[in-house]
């Protein structure tokens, strides 16, 4: 992959987190709609695998952001070509837990996201 691809990946992943990491007061649904592919692929520990309009993912992300105590703390982040990985810690009502997100960029948008976390801990800590 080229340096240009990595720069685009870095820019899109930054825009994604800038759209929600500081909490619901700054949640930017419109910006997310511009950076996520319309036929977005998502895989999560509770939701399973889903492909379709990004609006469904954005609604789920909003529910998550509504319960977290901002900001999230990015612990590790790596971009290479059209892919990125981010490990972050978020504080929910019951405590802090870690999440890992894996991105793939295509045609200038985030085409897919795989989210990994402990679903039992998430529910125990008040996630919804």
Protein backbone atom coordinates (compact mmCIF):
# COMPACT_ATOMS: atom_id res chain seq x y z
CA UNK A 1 0.00 0.00 0.00
CA UNK A 2 1.10 3.54 -0.60
CA UNK A 3 1.76 6.31 1.86
CA UNK A 4 -1.25 8.10 0.34
CA UNK A 5 -3.51 5.19 1.28
CA UNK A 6 -2.22 5.22 4.85
CA UNK A 7 -2.74 8.99 5.07
CA UNK A 8 -6.34 8.61 3.90
CA UNK A 9 -6.88 5.80 6.42
CA UNK A 10 -5.44 7.94 9.22
CA UNK A 11 -7.68 10.86 8.26
CA UNK A 12 -10.86 8.76 8.13
CA UNK A 13 -10.20 6.91 11.39
CA UNK A 14 -9.46 10.23 13.11
CA UNK A 15 -12.71 11.68 11.75
CA UNK A 16 -14.60 8.62 13.01
CA UNK A 17 -13.35 9.03 16.59
CA UNK A 18 -13.66 12.83 16.49
CA UNK A 19 -17.35 12.28 15.73
CA UNK A 20 -18.12 10.62 19.06
CA UNK A 21 -15.20 10.12 21.47
CA UNK A 22 -16.03 13.19 23.59
CA UNK A 23 -19.56 12.02 24.35
CA UNK A 24 -23.13 12.51 23.27
CA UNK A 25 -23.01 16.32 23.43
CA UNK A 26 -20.63 16.31 20.45
CA UNK A 27 -21.98 13.22 18.65
CA UNK A 28 -21.93 14.05 14.92
CA UNK A 29 -24.34 11.80 13.03
CA UNK A 30 -23.94 13.76 9.79
CA UNK A 31 -20.16 13.49 9.78
CA UNK A 32 -20.37 9.76 10.44
CA UNK A 33 -22.78 9.45 7.51
CA UNK A 34 -20.20 11.10 5.24
CA UNK A 35 -17.25 8.89 6.27
CA UNK A 36 -18.97 5.48 6.50
CA UNK A 37 -19.74 3.58 3.30
CA UNK A 38 -23.45 3.32 2.56
CA UNK A 39 -23.12 -0.49 2.25
CA UNK A 40 -21.19 -0.67 5.50
CA UNK A 41 -19.94 -4.03 6.84
CA UNK A 42 -20.04 -4.33 10.62
CA UNK A 43 -19.21 -7.20 12.95
CA UNK A 44 -19.62 -6.91 16.72
CA UNK A 45 -19.66 -9.21 19.72
CA UNK A 46 -23.39 -8.72 20.35
CA UNK A 47 -24.71 -7.55 16.95
CA UNK A 48 -22.99 -10.26 14.92
CA UNK A 49 -22.25 -9.65 11.23
CA UNK A 50 -24.31 -7.04 9.40
CA UNK A 51 -24.04 -5.39 6.01
CA UNK A 52 -26.26 -2.58 4.94
CA UNK A 53 -27.00 1.08 5.34
CA UNK A 54 -24.63 2.84 7.74
CA UNK A 55 -27.62 4.47 9.49
CA UNK A 56 -28.22 1.30 11.53
CA UNK A 57 -24.63 1.27 12.77
CA UNK A 58 -24.75 4.99 13.57
CA UNK A 59 -27.88 4.47 15.70
CA UNK A 60 -26.15 1.67 17.62
CA UNK A 61 -23.03 3.78 18.12
CA UNK A 62 -25.20 6.59 19.47
CA UNK A 63 -26.73 4.23 22.07
CA UNK A 64 -23.18 3.27 23.15
CA UNK A 65 -22.06 6.90 23.38
CA UNK A 66 -25.13 7.79 25.47
CA UNK A 67 -23.93 5.53 28.31
CA UNK A 68 -20.18 6.09 28.23
CA UNK A 69 -18.38 8.60 30.41
CA UNK A 70 -16.25 10.53 27.93
CA UNK A 71 -13.67 10.82 26.69
CA UNK A 72 -12.43 7.43 25.56
CA UNK A 73 -8.71 6.76 26.03
CA UNK A 74 -6.95 5.50 22.91
CA UNK A 75 -4.25 3.10 24.08
CA UNK A 76 -2.85 1.87 20.76
CA UNK A 77 -3.47 2.83 17.16
CA UNK A 78 -1.95 1.54 13.93
CA UNK A 79 -2.67 2.39 10.30
CA UNK A 80 -1.17 0.59 7.31
CA UNK A 81 -2.42 1.11 3.79
CA UNK A 82 -6.18 0.75 3.74
CA UNK A 83 -6.44 -0.85 7.19
CA UNK A 84 -6.29 0.36 10.79
CA UNK A 85 -6.53 -1.08 14.29
CA UNK A 86 -7.37 0.84 17.46
CA UNK A 87 -7.42 -0.33 21.08
CA UNK A 88 -9.24 2.01 23.46
CA UNK A 89 -10.63 2.12 26.96
CA UNK A 90 -14.10 3.47 27.65
CA UNK A 91 -15.72 4.09 31.01
CA UNK A 92 -19.27 2.79 31.32
CA UNK A 93 -21.51 3.24 34.38
CA UNK A 94 -20.06 0.05 35.95
CA UNK A 95 -16.39 0.65 35.17
CA UNK A 96 -13.73 0.84 32.49
CA UNK A 97 -13.30 -1.75 29.77
CA UNK A 98 -11.32 -2.18 26.57
CA UNK A 99 -12.51 -2.32 22.99
CA UNK A 100 -10.58 -3.14 19.81
CA UNK A 101 -11.72 -1.89 16.42
CA UNK A 102 -10.39 -3.00 13.03
CA UNK A 103 -11.12 -0.83 9.99
CA UNK A 104 -10.92 -1.28 6.22
CA UNK A 105 -11.04 1.75 3.93
CA UNK A 106 -12.40 1.63 0.38
CA UNK A 107 -13.25 4.39 -2.12
CA UNK A 108 -12.55 7.17 0.37
CA UNK A 109 -14.82 5.83 3.12
CA UNK A 110 -14.76 3.39 6.00
CA UNK A 111 -16.07 0.23 4.33
CA UNK A 112 -15.93 -2.15 7.28
CA UNK A 113 -15.44 -2.24 11.02
CA UNK A 114 -14.90 -5.23 13.26
CA UNK A 115 -15.45 -4.46 16.95
CA UNK A 116 -14.14 -6.83 19.61
CA UNK A 117 -14.88 -6.73 23.34
CA UNK A 118 -16.17 -8.90 26.18
CA UNK A 119 -19.98 -8.83 25.77
CA UNK A 120 -20.63 -10.18 29.30
CA UNK A 121 -18.52 -7.44 30.85
CA UNK A 122 -20.17 -4.85 28.59
CA UNK A 123 -23.65 -5.82 29.80
CA UNK A 124 -22.48 -6.06 33.43
CA UNK A 125 -21.04 -2.53 33.22
CA UNK A 126 -24.31 -1.09 31.88
CA UNK A 127 -23.76 -1.19 28.13
CA UNK A 128 -26.77 -1.31 25.86
